[in-house]
Amino acid sequence: MTQDSSDWTKLEPEVNSTDADEAPTYSLQSAAGHFECRVSGLRWVCKGKTSFQYQFRSWEGHMERMESRQYMPAGPLMDVTVTAGKLNEVHLPHWICIDDIPDILDMFAVVHIDDCGDVVEKVSEVTPTHVKLTEPNFSIIAALISLFFPLKISCYMLIYYKPNTSFLKLHVYPIRQDPALEQRIDKEESSDGYKRIKKPHPDKYMQTERAFNLRANMDTAEIQPKELTFRYNSLNFYEVFIENPERKLNLTLLHSNDDEPLCEPVWTCKLHKDDYPASGNVEEKHSVDEDLSAQMQKVLTVHSDREKLLGMLEDLTYEEFNNFKWFLQDSDAVVGLPRIPKSRLEKTSTCNLVDLMLQTYTEKSVEVTKKVLKKINRNDLVQKVSDSSS
C-alpha cells in the first residue's frame, strides 16, 4: 500500500561543509518510524534508533556506463553510509512522471556504485516520487529508468542575478531535480560574481526534447536564446538583460508551440526590486553620485581657496597690494594663463580681486598668488598658506 507524504515525519539534516571543494555532508538520526529528509527527499523506515549520513554525487563520469546498460538516471546520486542501527526500508527519490509509463516496475531499477563496479537491482515498489528497496545495502546509490524518450520530469528553476550593473542581468536555468547539479551551478555562478534568487520551482513536469520559451513582461527585456530545447543531460540557461527595471518583473516559461498560443505556462515567477538589490540603475546612480560628489568637492575647494586668498591679501599693506596687482598684469607668475585686464585691476578691492583671480585662474589661483607673494618679498605669507594646505 502506497503511503501518503503526510505519513512520513520530515527531519532537517545536520549539514557539515568544511571544504569548499567537497560536497556538504548531511547527517540524520531517528528513532523507530517512517521518516523523510527535508533536503534530499530520501525516505527510510527503521525499527530502532538509527543514524546515517550522505553526500550528493555528480552523474558526470557515470552516464555512459548507465547508457551501456540501457538505463538513464532517474534521481539524484547519493553516497549513503549508515553509522548506527539499521534501515529496514529505503525509498529513493526520483524525478520521473510515471503517468504514461507502462510496466513501471520493469522500467525502474536502482544502481549501486562502488570500487568493485556497478550493481543494478530491481525495485519492489514505485510511487509518483520514490522507488522502494527493502533490506537495502548502501554505497553510492540512485534510481534508474530504462532508456525511454521523451520523458516528463520534475524540474528546478534556478535564477541568478549580477549585482552592481546598470541593467538587470539574469541567468535562468531549467534543470532536472538534481541537488548535486544545483550545488554545482550555485558554485559556478557564485565564482562568476552572481547571486541566487530563490523562488518556487515548477509544479508541473517538463518534457525532455521539447522546446521552451522564456518570456518577460517588459519591452526592454532581451532574452537569449529565444528558444531552448530541454535535453535530459544538457546544461543550458537563458540569459536575460533588462534596462531600468522599474516595475515588478514577471517571468513565464512556455512550450514553444505555435499551434497552442493559449497553452498554460509551465512556470511563472514574480520578481521585485528587493529580489535583486544593488542591480539595475546601479551604475547610473553611481555615476550621478560621483558627479554630485565632484561638484560638491569643487564647491568646497573654491570656498576654501577664496578664504585662503582673502586671508593672504588682507595681510598686505596698501603699497604691497598695489605691487601685487601690478605683477598680475605682466609677470612670469601667470605665464600660460589668461590675463586680468589692467582696467579691472586698478581700482579693485581685496574681495573683488579674489573673485577675479578665481574666475580667471580657477584651481591655479592659490599657486599664482604664492608666486606673486614671493616677488613682493612676502615669503612669510607663502609659508602660511603652504602650512594651511598640508
Protein backbone atom coordinates (compact mmCIF):
# COMPACT_ATOMS: atom_id res chain seq x y z
CA MET A 1 0.00 0.00 0.00
CA THR A 2 1.40 3.38 -1.02
CA GLN A 3 1.88 5.77 1.86
CA ASP A 4 0.84 9.39 1.58
CA SER A 5 3.52 12.06 2.07
CA SER A 6 1.81 13.04 5.33
CA ASP A 7 2.66 9.59 6.75
CA TRP A 8 6.35 10.49 6.80
CA THR A 9 7.91 12.53 9.59
CA LYS A 10 10.14 15.14 7.97
CA LEU A 11 13.55 15.72 9.53
CA GLU A 12 16.04 18.51 8.93
CA PRO A 13 19.56 17.11 8.45
CA GLU A 14 22.67 18.47 10.13
CA VAL A 15 24.92 19.95 7.46
CA ASN A 16 28.68 19.77 7.65
CA SER A 17 30.57 21.68 4.97
CA THR A 18 34.23 22.29 5.81
CA ASP A 19 35.88 22.16 2.39
CA ALA A 20 34.71 24.44 -0.43
CA ASP A 21 35.73 21.81 -2.98
CA GLU A 22 33.84 18.99 -1.25
CA ALA A 23 30.10 18.40 -1.35
CA PRO A 24 28.37 19.04 2.01
CA THR A 25 27.74 16.03 4.24
CA TYR A 26 24.19 15.64 5.59
CA SER A 27 23.70 13.71 8.84
CA LEU A 28 20.42 12.32 10.20
CA GLN A 29 19.35 10.25 13.17
CA SER A 30 15.97 8.90 14.17
CA ALA A 31 14.12 6.52 16.45
CA ALA A 32 11.76 3.85 15.08
CA GLY A 33 9.29 5.07 12.47
CA HIS A 34 8.85 6.46 8.96
CA PHE A 35 10.97 9.49 8.09
CA GLU A 36 11.86 11.79 5.23
CA CYS A 37 14.87 14.08 4.80
CA ARG A 38 13.76 17.63 4.02
CA VAL A 39 16.78 18.30 1.81
CA SER A 40 17.07 15.19 -0.37
CA GLY A 41 13.57 13.74 -0.11
CA LEU A 42 15.15 10.41 0.91
CA ARG A 43 12.74 8.30 2.96
CA TRP A 44 13.53 5.46 5.34
CA VAL A 45 11.83 3.04 7.69
CA CYS A 46 13.57 1.72 10.79
CA LYS A 47 12.57 -0.36 13.81
CA GLY A 48 15.01 1.22 16.23
CA LYS A 49 17.41 4.09 16.71
CA THR A 50 19.35 4.72 13.52
CA SER A 51 21.79 7.27 12.17
CA PHE A 52 23.33 7.75 8.74
CA GLN A 53 24.94 10.37 6.55
CA TYR A 54 25.04 11.10 2.84
CA GLN A 55 26.53 13.34 0.17
CA PHE A 56 25.19 14.22 -3.27
CA ARG A 57 27.38 12.99 -6.12
CA SER A 58 27.55 14.10 -9.72
CA TRP A 59 26.29 11.87 -12.51
CA GLU A 60 29.19 13.07 -14.65
CA GLY A 61 31.51 10.17 -15.39
CA HIS A 62 28.74 7.60 -14.86
CA MET A 63 26.34 8.42 -17.71
CA GLU A 64 27.99 6.33 -20.40
CA ARG A 65 28.09 3.24 -18.19
CA MET A 66 24.40 3.60 -17.36
CA GLU A 67 23.51 4.01 -21.03
CA SER A 68 25.56 0.94 -21.91
CA ARG A 69 23.21 -0.96 -19.58
CA GLN A 70 20.21 0.65 -21.33
CA TYR A 71 19.42 2.87 -18.35
CA MET A 72 19.47 6.56 -17.58
CA PRO A 73 19.44 8.47 -14.26
CA ALA A 74 16.01 8.81 -12.68
CA GLY A 75 17.01 10.52 -9.44
CA PRO A 76 19.87 12.15 -7.54
CA LEU A 77 23.05 10.15 -6.98
CA MET A 78 23.84 9.86 -3.26
CA ASP A 79 26.69 8.35 -1.26
CA VAL A 80 24.94 6.90 1.81
CA THR A 81 26.69 5.49 4.91
CA VAL A 82 24.81 4.03 7.89
CA THR A 83 26.71 4.94 11.07
CA ALA A 84 24.45 3.25 13.64
CA GLY A 85 21.47 0.91 13.63
CA LYS A 86 19.73 -0.37 10.51
CA LEU A 87 17.44 0.95 7.79
CA ASN A 88 14.79 -1.66 7.04
CA GLU A 89 13.48 0.16 4.01
CA VAL A 90 14.80 2.99 1.92
CA HIS A 91 12.76 4.99 -0.58
CA LEU A 92 14.96 6.81 -3.08
CA PRO A 93 13.56 9.96 -4.70
CA HIS A 94 13.07 10.11 -8.46
CA TRP A 95 12.10 12.93 -10.85
CA ILE A 96 10.13 10.91 -13.45
CA CYS A 97 6.45 11.39 -14.28
CA ILE A 98 5.12 7.83 -14.21
CA ASP A 99 1.61 8.53 -15.54
CA ASP A 100 2.26 7.34 -19.10
CA ILE A 101 4.89 4.67 -18.41
CA PRO A 102 3.74 1.05 -18.86
CA ASP A 103 5.12 -1.81 -16.75
CA ILE A 104 6.56 0.58 -14.18
CA LEU A 105 8.35 -1.99 -12.03
CA ASP A 106 10.20 -3.34 -15.05
CA MET A 107 11.22 0.15 -16.13
CA PHE A 108 12.80 1.25 -12.85
CA ALA A 109 15.91 -0.02 -11.09
CA VAL A 110 18.50 1.11 -8.55
CA VAL A 111 22.24 1.27 -9.18
CA HIS A 112 24.91 0.67 -6.53
CA ILE A 113 28.34 2.09 -7.42
CA ASP A 114 31.49 1.16 -5.51
CA ASP A 115 35.15 0.29 -6.13
CA CYS A 116 34.15 -3.12 -7.45
CA GLY A 117 31.88 -1.71 -10.14
CA ASP A 118 28.16 -1.20 -10.71
CA VAL A 119 25.34 -3.42 -9.47
CA VAL A 120 21.82 -2.86 -10.80
CA GLU A 121 18.97 -4.02 -8.57
CA LYS A 122 15.25 -4.20 -9.28
CA VAL A 123 12.88 -2.24 -7.06
CA SER A 124 9.92 -3.57 -5.07
CA GLU A 125 7.64 -0.56 -5.48
CA VAL A 126 7.38 2.66 -7.48
CA THR A 127 5.37 5.68 -6.34
CA PRO A 128 4.97 9.04 -8.12
CA THR A 129 8.02 10.33 -6.20
CA HIS A 130 10.08 7.36 -4.93
CA VAL A 131 11.34 3.85 -5.61
CA LYS A 132 11.43 1.35 -2.74
CA LEU A 133 14.15 -1.06 -1.63
CA THR A 134 13.78 -3.48 1.27
CA GLU A 135 16.76 -4.59 3.37
CA PRO A 136 18.97 -2.22 1.36
CA ASN A 137 22.73 -2.23 1.05
CA PHE A 138 24.39 1.15 0.88
CA SER A 139 27.04 2.72 -1.28
CA ILE A 140 26.73 5.38 -3.96
CA ILE A 141 23.13 4.77 -4.92
CA ALA A 142 20.36 6.17 -7.14
CA ALA A 143 17.19 5.38 -9.04
CA LEU A 144 17.43 4.45 -12.75
CA ILE A 145 14.91 4.17 -15.55
CA SER A 146 15.20 2.22 -18.78
CA LEU A 147 16.10 4.36 -21.78
CA PHE A 148 12.77 5.91 -22.64
CA PHE A 149 12.20 9.11 -24.62
CA PRO A 150 10.66 11.56 -24.37
CA LEU A 151 10.24 11.75 -20.62
CA LYS A 152 8.39 14.16 -18.43
CA ILE A 153 10.43 15.06 -15.35
CA SER A 154 10.27 17.22 -12.23
CA CYS A 155 12.49 20.27 -12.53
CA TYR A 156 14.17 23.07 -10.65
CA MET A 157 14.29 26.62 -11.97
CA LEU A 158 17.44 28.36 -10.75
CA ILE A 159 17.72 32.16 -11.03
CA TYR A 160 20.88 34.23 -10.56
CA TYR A 161 21.50 37.97 -10.92
CA LYS A 162 24.66 40.02 -11.37
CA PRO A 163 24.99 42.76 -8.71
CA ASN A 164 26.33 46.26 -9.38
CA THR A 165 25.27 46.58 -13.00
CA SER A 166 23.38 49.43 -14.68
CA PHE A 167 20.98 46.86 -16.16
CA LEU A 168 19.42 43.76 -14.65
CA LYS A 169 21.27 40.65 -15.82
CA LEU A 170 19.78 37.23 -15.02
CA HIS A 171 20.77 33.64 -15.66
CA VAL A 172 17.78 31.28 -15.58
CA TYR A 173 18.38 27.51 -15.58
CA PRO A 174 15.74 24.82 -16.11
CA ILE A 175 17.35 21.63 -14.79
CA ARG A 176 16.28 18.17 -13.69
CA GLN A 177 15.51 17.95 -9.95
CA ASP A 178 19.09 17.04 -9.06
CA PRO A 179 20.56 18.64 -5.89
CA ALA A 180 24.13 17.78 -6.95
CA LEU A 181 23.63 19.65 -10.23
CA GLU A 182 22.03 22.52 -8.31
CA GLN A 183 25.07 22.74 -5.99
CA ARG A 184 27.45 22.69 -8.95
CA ILE A 185 25.62 25.56 -10.70
CA ASP A 186 25.46 27.52 -7.44
CA LYS A 187 29.22 27.22 -7.10
CA GLU A 188 29.95 28.19 -10.72
CA GLU A 189 27.62 31.20 -10.68
CA SER A 190 28.97 32.37 -7.33
CA SER A 191 32.54 32.20 -8.63
CA ASP A 192 31.45 34.47 -11.52
CA GLY A 193 30.02 37.03 -9.10
CA TYR A 194 26.35 36.10 -9.45
CA LYS A 195 23.89 35.76 -6.56
CA ARG A 196 20.96 33.37 -6.25
CA ILE A 197 17.34 34.49 -6.22
CA LYS A 198 15.34 31.73 -4.56
CA LYS A 199 11.86 31.29 -5.98
CA PRO A 200 9.39 28.38 -6.10
CA HIS A 201 10.14 25.64 -8.62
CA PRO A 202 7.67 24.48 -11.30
CA ASP A 203 4.79 22.40 -10.04
CA LYS A 204 4.42 20.82 -13.50
CA TYR A 205 6.60 18.33 -15.29
CA MET A 206 8.79 19.42 -18.20
CA GLN A 207 9.06 17.14 -21.22
CA THR A 208 12.52 16.31 -22.49
CA GLU A 209 13.44 17.04 -26.11
CA ARG A 210 10.77 19.73 -26.24
CA ALA A 211 11.46 23.42 -26.93
CA PHE A 212 10.58 26.14 -24.44
CA ASN A 213 10.43 29.94 -24.48
CA LEU A 214 11.17 32.21 -21.54
CA ARG A 215 9.25 35.48 -21.66
CA ALA A 216 9.29 38.68 -19.62
CA ASN A 217 6.59 41.33 -19.23
CA MET A 218 8.91 44.24 -20.12
CA ASP A 219 9.52 45.58 -23.63
CA THR A 220 13.16 46.30 -22.82
CA ALA A 221 13.88 42.66 -21.95
CA GLU A 222 16.37 40.82 -24.14
CA ILE A 223 16.33 37.04 -23.70
CA GLN A 224 18.77 34.60 -25.27
CA PRO A 225 18.29 32.05 -26.62
CA LYS A 226 14.83 32.73 -27.97
CA GLU A 227 14.09 29.02 -27.79
CA LEU A 228 15.71 26.31 -25.69
CA THR A 229 15.33 22.57 -26.17
CA PHE A 230 15.16 20.89 -22.79
CA ARG A 231 17.51 17.92 -23.00
CA TYR A 232 17.97 15.38 -20.25
CA ASN A 233 21.72 15.60 -19.84
CA SER A 234 22.49 19.05 -21.26
CA LEU A 235 23.05 22.12 -19.14
CA ASN A 236 21.59 25.22 -20.80
CA PHE A 237 20.31 28.51 -19.49
CA TYR A 238 18.53 31.66 -20.54
CA GLU A 239 20.36 34.99 -20.26
CA VAL A 240 18.09 37.95 -19.56
CA PHE A 241 19.03 41.64 -19.92
CA ILE A 242 16.63 44.37 -18.80
CA GLU A 243 17.42 48.09 -18.77
CA ASN A 244 15.95 50.11 -15.93
CA PRO A 245 13.56 47.51 -14.46
CA GLU A 246 11.16 50.00 -12.89
CA ARG A 247 8.30 47.69 -12.05
CA LYS A 248 7.59 44.14 -10.96
CA LEU A 249 9.14 41.63 -13.36
CA ASN A 250 7.14 38.58 -14.39
CA LEU A 251 8.94 35.64 -15.99
CA THR A 252 6.98 32.91 -17.77
CA LEU A 253 8.21 29.61 -19.20
CA LEU A 254 6.07 28.29 -22.06
CA HIS A 255 6.14 25.42 -24.53
CA SER A 256 7.31 26.60 -27.95
CA ASN A 257 4.31 25.59 -30.00
CA ASP A 258 2.71 27.99 -32.44
CA ASP A 259 -0.35 25.76 -32.58
CA GLU A 260 -1.02 26.31 -28.88
CA PRO A 261 -0.97 30.08 -28.33
CA LEU A 262 -3.14 29.81 -25.23
CA CYS A 263 -1.38 26.88 -23.59
CA GLU A 264 -0.79 27.11 -19.86
CA PRO A 265 2.68 28.17 -18.75
CA VAL A 266 4.96 25.55 -17.24
CA TRP A 267 6.28 28.03 -14.70
CA THR A 268 5.70 31.65 -13.70
CA CYS A 269 7.77 33.80 -11.38
CA LYS A 270 7.38 37.31 -9.98
CA LEU A 271 10.49 39.31 -9.17
CA HIS A 272 10.54 42.53 -7.16
CA LYS A 273 13.40 45.02 -6.81
CA ASP A 274 14.12 43.59 -3.37
CA ASP A 275 14.97 40.30 -5.08
CA TYR A 276 17.95 41.83 -6.90
CA PRO A 277 19.37 44.58 -4.67
CA ALA A 278 22.36 46.55 -5.97
CA SER A 279 21.44 45.77 -9.59
CA GLY A 280 19.63 47.73 -12.28
CA ASN A 281 20.33 51.50 -12.37
CA VAL A 282 23.29 50.98 -10.02
CA GLU A 283 25.94 52.19 -12.42
CA GLU A 284 23.79 55.15 -13.44
CA LYS A 285 23.11 56.01 -9.81
CA HIS A 286 26.78 55.59 -9.02
CA SER A 287 27.63 57.95 -11.88
CA VAL A 288 25.14 60.53 -10.59
CA ASP A 289 26.55 60.18 -7.10
CA GLU A 290 30.06 60.67 -8.45
CA ASP A 291 29.00 63.78 -10.37
CA LEU A 292 27.34 65.23 -7.29
CA SER A 293 30.40 64.39 -5.22
CA ALA A 294 32.70 66.04 -7.75
CA GLN A 295 30.50 69.14 -7.86
CA MET A 296 30.41 69.33 -4.08
CA GLN A 297 34.17 68.88 -3.91
CA LYS A 298 34.60 71.67 -6.46
CA VAL A 299 32.38 74.00 -4.44
CA LEU A 300 34.28 73.18 -1.25
CA THR A 301 37.63 73.72 -3.00
CA VAL A 302 36.57 77.10 -4.39
CA HIS A 303 35.25 78.12 -0.99
CA SER A 304 38.48 77.04 0.69
CA ASP A 305 40.66 78.80 -1.91
CA ARG A 306 38.65 82.00 -1.57
CA GLU A 307 39.27 82.03 2.18
CA LYS A 308 43.00 81.37 1.68
CA LEU A 309 43.40 84.12 -0.91
CA LEU A 310 41.44 86.63 1.09
CA GLY A 311 43.47 85.86 4.19
CA MET A 312 46.76 86.39 2.37
CA LEU A 313 45.75 89.61 0.59
CA GLU A 314 44.30 91.18 3.72
CA ASP A 315 47.75 90.93 5.34
CA LEU A 316 49.30 93.13 2.62
CA THR A 317 50.00 96.82 3.08
CA TYR A 318 48.48 99.32 0.67
CA GLU A 319 51.73 99.51 -1.29
CA GLU A 320 52.18 95.72 -1.32
CA PHE A 321 48.61 95.29 -2.56
CA ASN A 322 49.26 97.66 -5.48
CA ASN A 323 52.51 95.86 -6.28
CA PHE A 324 50.61 92.57 -6.19
CA LYS A 325 48.14 93.85 -8.80
CA TRP A 326 51.00 95.16 -10.96
CA PHE A 327 52.72 91.75 -11.09
CA LEU A 328 49.44 90.13 -12.12
CA GLN A 329 49.37 92.29 -15.28
CA ASP A 330 52.69 91.17 -16.73
CA SER A 331 54.69 88.52 -14.92
CA ASP A 332 56.06 85.00 -15.34
CA ALA A 333 53.79 84.12 -12.40
CA VAL A 334 50.92 83.94 -14.87
CA VAL A 335 52.71 82.57 -17.94
CA GLY A 336 50.35 80.44 -19.98
CA LEU A 337 47.31 81.68 -18.08
CA PRO A 338 44.70 84.25 -19.06
CA ARG A 339 45.45 87.88 -18.05
CA ILE A 340 43.18 90.06 -15.98
CA PRO A 341 42.67 93.35 -17.83
CA LYS A 342 44.50 96.36 -16.31
CA SER A 343 41.28 98.33 -16.20
CA ARG A 344 39.73 95.77 -13.89
CA LEU A 345 42.74 95.61 -11.58
CA GLU A 346 43.44 99.29 -11.00
CA LYS A 347 40.58 100.18 -8.67
CA THR A 348 39.50 96.72 -7.48
CA SER A 349 39.13 95.92 -3.78
CA THR A 350 40.66 92.95 -1.99
CA CYS A 351 37.44 90.89 -2.10
CA ASN A 352 36.82 91.71 -5.76
CA LEU A 353 40.38 90.77 -6.65
CA VAL A 354 39.92 87.36 -5.01
CA ASP A 355 36.80 86.76 -7.14
CA LEU A 356 38.61 87.95 -10.29
CA MET A 357 41.50 85.59 -9.67
CA LEU A 358 39.22 82.59 -9.03
CA GLN A 359 37.28 83.35 -12.22
CA THR A 360 40.49 83.73 -14.25
CA TYR A 361 42.87 81.18 -12.79
CA THR A 362 40.34 78.75 -11.22
CA GLU A 363 42.18 75.93 -9.40
CA LYS A 364 45.59 77.59 -10.05
CA SER A 365 44.67 80.77 -8.16
CA VAL A 366 46.47 79.80 -4.96
CA GLU A 367 49.63 78.83 -6.85
CA VAL A 368 49.64 82.16 -8.77
CA THR A 369 49.20 84.05 -5.51
CA LYS A 370 52.16 82.27 -3.91
CA LYS A 371 54.40 83.13 -6.88
CA VAL A 372 53.46 86.81 -6.77
CA LEU A 373 53.93 86.98 -2.99
CA LYS A 374 57.50 85.75 -3.47
CA LYS A 375 58.11 88.57 -5.94
CA ILE A 376 56.98 91.20 -3.38
CA ASN A 377 59.06 89.53 -0.67
CA ARG A 378 56.21 88.19 1.45
CA ASN A 379 57.57 84.68 1.85
CA ASP A 380 56.03 84.54 5.31
CA LEU A 381 52.59 84.51 3.71
CA VAL A 382 53.68 81.88 1.21
CA GLN A 383 54.73 79.63 4.11
CA LYS A 384 51.48 80.41 5.90
CA VAL A 385 49.30 79.23 3.04
CA SER A 386 51.57 76.18 2.45
CA ASP A 387 51.17 75.18 6.11
CA SER A 388 47.38 75.52 5.89
CA SER A 389 47.32 73.29 2.80
CA SER A 390 49.28 70.41 4.42
